[in-house]
Amino acid sequence: MIFDIRSFWLIGALGAFAFGLLVLIVRSAYPEYMGRVLKLWGAANLCLSAGYALRLARDWEGMFAFHVLSCTMMATCLTLEYWAVRELKK
């Protein structure tokens, strides 16, 4: 059995995308205060999914997409999660 990191990136991308969409859909059932937090959290998960997807595209897009764009999406994900937690503390 060979360990292939791309399969974990695919699972991470699909899981984060599904969770992000679920959070954005469920957001309308919550009050406005919690809706803002869930909107940020859902956007963060979509950014995480895009980061994993860009890591999967290393063979087609090249090393720029692998290193720069995917790391930028991961940093954006962490920033949006920080903003969501900060919004909860208000």
N, C-alpha and C. Protein backbone atom coordinates (compact mmCIF):
# COMPACT_ATOMS: atom_id res chain seq x y z
N MET A 1 0.84 -1.18 0.00
CA MET A 1 0.00 0.00 0.00
C MET A 1 0.88 1.24 0.00
N ILE A 2 0.60 2.14 -0.90
CA ILE A 2 1.40 3.34 -1.06
C ILE A 2 0.64 4.53 -0.46
N PHE A 3 1.32 5.32 0.33
CA PHE A 3 0.75 6.52 0.93
C PHE A 3 0.75 7.63 -0.12
N ASP A 4 -0.42 8.12 -0.45
CA ASP A 4 -0.54 9.18 -1.45
C ASP A 4 -1.25 10.37 -0.80
N ILE A 5 -0.54 11.48 -0.68
CA ILE A 5 -1.08 12.65 -0.01
C ILE A 5 -2.22 13.29 -0.81
N ARG A 6 -2.21 13.09 -2.13
CA ARG A 6 -3.27 13.70 -2.95
C ARG A 6 -4.66 13.17 -2.62
N SER A 7 -4.74 11.91 -2.20
CA SER A 7 -6.04 11.37 -1.81
C SER A 7 -6.56 12.06 -0.55
N PHE A 8 -5.67 12.39 0.37
CA PHE A 8 -6.09 13.13 1.56
C PHE A 8 -6.49 14.56 1.22
N TRP A 9 -5.80 15.17 0.25
CA TRP A 9 -6.19 16.51 -0.19
C TRP A 9 -7.56 16.48 -0.84
N LEU A 10 -7.86 15.43 -1.60
CA LEU A 10 -9.17 15.32 -2.23
C LEU A 10 -10.26 15.15 -1.18
N ILE A 11 -10.02 14.30 -0.20
CA ILE A 11 -10.99 14.11 0.88
C ILE A 11 -11.18 15.41 1.66
N GLY A 12 -10.09 16.11 1.93
CA GLY A 12 -10.19 17.39 2.63
C GLY A 12 -10.94 18.43 1.83
N ALA A 13 -10.70 18.49 0.52
CA ALA A 13 -11.38 19.46 -0.33
C ALA A 13 -12.88 19.18 -0.39
N LEU A 14 -13.25 17.93 -0.59
CA LEU A 14 -14.66 17.59 -0.66
C LEU A 14 -15.36 17.78 0.68
N GLY A 15 -14.70 17.39 1.76
CA GLY A 15 -15.29 17.56 3.09
C GLY A 15 -15.47 19.02 3.48
N ALA A 16 -14.45 19.83 3.22
CA ALA A 16 -14.54 21.25 3.55
C ALA A 16 -15.58 21.96 2.69
N PHE A 17 -15.66 21.58 1.42
CA PHE A 17 -16.65 22.19 0.53
C PHE A 17 -18.07 21.84 0.99
N ALA A 18 -18.30 20.57 1.30
CA ALA A 18 -19.63 20.15 1.76
C ALA A 18 -20.00 20.82 3.08
N PHE A 19 -19.05 20.89 4.01
CA PHE A 19 -19.33 21.53 5.29
C PHE A 19 -19.57 23.02 5.13
N GLY A 20 -18.79 23.69 4.27
CA GLY A 20 -18.99 25.11 4.03
C GLY A 20 -20.35 25.41 3.44
N LEU A 21 -20.78 24.60 2.46
CA LEU A 21 -22.11 24.80 1.89
C LEU A 21 -23.20 24.52 2.90
N LEU A 22 -23.02 23.49 3.71
CA LEU A 22 -24.01 23.18 4.74
C LEU A 22 -24.15 24.32 5.73
N VAL A 23 -23.04 24.88 6.16
CA VAL A 23 -23.09 25.99 7.11
C VAL A 23 -23.77 27.21 6.48
N LEU A 24 -23.49 27.49 5.22
CA LEU A 24 -24.11 28.64 4.56
C LEU A 24 -25.61 28.42 4.34
N ILE A 25 -26.03 27.19 4.13
CA ILE A 25 -27.46 26.91 3.96
C ILE A 25 -28.19 26.99 5.30
N VAL A 26 -27.61 26.46 6.36
CA VAL A 26 -28.24 26.43 7.68
C VAL A 26 -28.24 27.81 8.32
N ARG A 27 -27.39 28.70 7.85
CA ARG A 27 -27.24 30.04 8.44
C ARG A 27 -28.55 30.80 8.52
N SER A 28 -29.44 30.59 7.55
CA SER A 28 -30.70 31.36 7.53
C SER A 28 -31.64 30.97 8.67
N ALA A 29 -31.43 29.83 9.29
CA ALA A 29 -32.30 29.39 10.38
C ALA A 29 -31.91 30.02 11.72
N TYR A 30 -30.80 30.69 11.78
CA TYR A 30 -30.30 31.28 13.02
C TYR A 30 -30.54 32.79 13.04
N PRO A 31 -30.50 33.40 14.22
CA PRO A 31 -30.67 34.85 14.29
C PRO A 31 -29.51 35.59 13.60
N GLU A 32 -29.70 36.88 13.39
CA GLU A 32 -28.74 37.69 12.64
C GLU A 32 -27.34 37.65 13.26
N TYR A 33 -27.26 37.68 14.57
CA TYR A 33 -25.95 37.67 15.24
C TYR A 33 -25.17 36.40 14.89
N MET A 34 -25.83 35.26 15.01
CA MET A 34 -25.16 34.00 14.71
C MET A 34 -25.02 33.80 13.20
N GLY A 35 -25.89 34.41 12.43
CA GLY A 35 -25.80 34.30 10.97
C GLY A 35 -24.53 34.91 10.43
N ARG A 36 -24.08 36.02 11.00
CA ARG A 36 -22.82 36.63 10.56
C ARG A 36 -21.64 35.72 10.84
N VAL A 37 -21.66 35.09 12.01
CA VAL A 37 -20.58 34.17 12.38
C VAL A 37 -20.57 32.97 11.45
N LEU A 38 -21.74 32.43 11.18
CA LEU A 38 -21.81 31.26 10.30
C LEU A 38 -21.45 31.60 8.87
N LYS A 39 -21.74 32.83 8.45
CA LYS A 39 -21.34 33.25 7.10
C LYS A 39 -19.82 33.28 6.99
N LEU A 40 -19.16 33.81 7.99
CA LEU A 40 -17.69 33.84 7.99
C LEU A 40 -17.11 32.43 8.06
N TRP A 41 -17.71 31.59 8.90
CA TRP A 41 -17.20 30.23 9.06
C TRP A 41 -17.40 29.42 7.77
N GLY A 42 -18.55 29.60 7.11
CA GLY A 42 -18.78 28.91 5.85
C GLY A 42 -17.83 29.38 4.76
N ALA A 43 -17.58 30.68 4.70
CA ALA A 43 -16.63 31.21 3.72
C ALA A 43 -15.22 30.70 3.99
N ALA A 44 -14.86 30.56 5.27
CA ALA A 44 -13.55 30.02 5.62
C ALA A 44 -13.41 28.58 5.13
N ASN A 45 -14.45 27.79 5.28
CA ASN A 45 -14.38 26.41 4.82
C ASN A 45 -14.34 26.32 3.30
N LEU A 46 -15.00 27.22 2.62
CA LEU A 46 -14.90 27.24 1.16
C LEU A 46 -13.50 27.64 0.71
N CYS A 47 -12.86 28.55 1.43
CA CYS A 47 -11.47 28.91 1.12
C CYS A 47 -10.53 27.73 1.39
N LEU A 48 -10.79 27.00 2.45
CA LEU A 48 -9.99 25.82 2.75
C LEU A 48 -10.14 24.78 1.63
N SER A 49 -11.36 24.61 1.17
CA SER A 49 -11.60 23.68 0.07
C SER A 49 -10.88 24.11 -1.20
N ALA A 50 -10.91 25.40 -1.49
CA ALA A 50 -10.20 25.91 -2.67
C ALA A 50 -8.69 25.73 -2.52
N GLY A 51 -8.18 25.90 -1.32
CA GLY A 51 -6.75 25.68 -1.08
C GLY A 51 -6.35 24.24 -1.33
N TYR A 52 -7.17 23.31 -0.84
CA TYR A 52 -6.88 21.89 -1.10
C TYR A 52 -7.00 21.57 -2.60
N ALA A 53 -8.00 22.15 -3.26
CA ALA A 53 -8.17 21.90 -4.69
C ALA A 53 -6.98 22.45 -5.49
N LEU A 54 -6.46 23.59 -5.09
CA LEU A 54 -5.28 24.12 -5.77
C LEU A 54 -4.06 23.25 -5.53
N ARG A 55 -3.99 22.63 -4.37
CA ARG A 55 -2.89 21.70 -4.12
C ARG A 55 -3.01 20.47 -5.03
N LEU A 56 -4.24 20.07 -5.31
CA LEU A 56 -4.44 18.94 -6.22
C LEU A 56 -4.06 19.30 -7.66
N ALA A 57 -4.13 20.57 -8.01
CA ALA A 57 -3.86 21.00 -9.38
C ALA A 57 -2.39 21.24 -9.65
N ARG A 58 -1.53 20.76 -8.79
CA ARG A 58 -0.09 20.98 -8.95
C ARG A 58 0.41 20.43 -10.29
N ASP A 59 -0.09 19.30 -10.70
CA ASP A 59 0.38 18.70 -11.95
C ASP A 59 -0.06 19.50 -13.18
N TRP A 60 -1.21 20.16 -13.11
CA TRP A 60 -1.74 20.88 -14.27
C TRP A 60 -1.38 22.35 -14.27
N GLU A 61 -1.40 22.97 -13.12
CA GLU A 61 -1.21 24.42 -13.04
C GLU A 61 0.23 24.83 -12.76
N GLY A 62 1.01 23.97 -12.21
CA GLY A 62 2.40 24.31 -11.91
C GLY A 62 2.62 24.64 -10.45
N MET A 63 3.84 24.99 -10.17
CA MET A 63 4.24 25.21 -8.79
C MET A 63 3.74 26.53 -8.21
N PHE A 64 3.42 27.52 -9.07
CA PHE A 64 2.90 28.78 -8.56
C PHE A 64 1.57 28.56 -7.85
N ALA A 65 0.67 27.80 -8.48
CA ALA A 65 -0.62 27.51 -7.87
C ALA A 65 -0.43 26.67 -6.61
N PHE A 66 0.54 25.78 -6.65
CA PHE A 66 0.76 24.90 -5.49
C PHE A 66 1.27 25.68 -4.29
N HIS A 67 2.27 26.50 -4.49
CA HIS A 67 2.88 27.18 -3.35
C HIS A 67 2.19 28.49 -2.99
N VAL A 68 2.02 29.36 -3.93
CA VAL A 68 1.55 30.71 -3.61
C VAL A 68 0.03 30.76 -3.43
N LEU A 69 -0.72 30.31 -4.43
CA LEU A 69 -2.16 30.46 -4.36
C LEU A 69 -2.79 29.57 -3.28
N SER A 70 -2.32 28.33 -3.17
CA SER A 70 -2.92 27.46 -2.15
C SER A 70 -2.60 27.95 -0.74
N CYS A 71 -1.39 28.44 -0.52
CA CYS A 71 -1.05 28.97 0.81
C CYS A 71 -1.80 30.26 1.10
N THR A 72 -2.07 31.06 0.08
CA THR A 72 -2.87 32.27 0.25
C THR A 72 -4.29 31.91 0.66
N MET A 73 -4.86 30.88 0.03
CA MET A 73 -6.21 30.46 0.40
C MET A 73 -6.25 29.89 1.82
N MET A 74 -5.20 29.20 2.21
CA MET A 74 -5.15 28.67 3.59
C MET A 74 -5.04 29.82 4.60
N ALA A 75 -4.26 30.83 4.29
CA ALA A 75 -4.14 31.98 5.18
C ALA A 75 -5.46 32.75 5.24
N THR A 76 -6.15 32.86 4.13
CA THR A 76 -7.46 33.50 4.11
C THR A 76 -8.45 32.72 4.96
N CYS A 77 -8.37 31.41 4.90
CA CYS A 77 -9.23 30.56 5.73
C CYS A 77 -8.99 30.83 7.21
N LEU A 78 -7.74 30.89 7.62
CA LEU A 78 -7.44 31.15 9.03
C LEU A 78 -7.88 32.54 9.46
N THR A 79 -7.74 33.51 8.56
CA THR A 79 -8.18 34.87 8.87
C THR A 79 -9.69 34.93 9.05
N LEU A 80 -10.44 34.28 8.17
CA LEU A 80 -11.90 34.27 8.30
C LEU A 80 -12.35 33.53 9.55
N GLU A 81 -11.67 32.46 9.91
CA GLU A 81 -12.01 31.77 11.15
C GLU A 81 -11.72 32.64 12.37
N TYR A 82 -10.64 33.39 12.33
CA TYR A 82 -10.33 34.32 13.42
C TYR A 82 -11.41 35.38 13.53
N TRP A 83 -11.85 35.92 12.40
CA TRP A 83 -12.90 36.93 12.42
C TRP A 83 -14.20 36.35 12.95
N ALA A 84 -14.49 35.09 12.64
CA ALA A 84 -15.73 34.45 13.13
C ALA A 84 -15.67 34.30 14.65
N VAL A 85 -14.53 33.88 15.17
CA VAL A 85 -14.40 33.74 16.63
C VAL A 85 -14.45 35.11 17.29
N ARG A 86 -13.84 36.10 16.68
CA ARG A 86 -13.87 37.45 17.22
C ARG A 86 -15.30 38.00 17.23
N GLU A 87 -16.07 37.66 16.20
CA GLU A 87 -17.47 38.10 16.14
C GLU A 87 -18.30 37.43 17.25
N LEU A 88 -17.96 36.21 17.58
CA LEU A 88 -18.68 35.53 18.67
C LEU A 88 -18.41 36.17 20.03
N LYS A 89 -17.22 36.71 20.21
CA LYS A 89 -16.83 37.29 21.49
C LYS A 89 -17.42 38.66 21.71
N LYS A 90 -17.96 39.30 20.70
CA LYS A 90 -18.52 40.65 20.86
C LYS A 90 -19.75 40.63 21.72
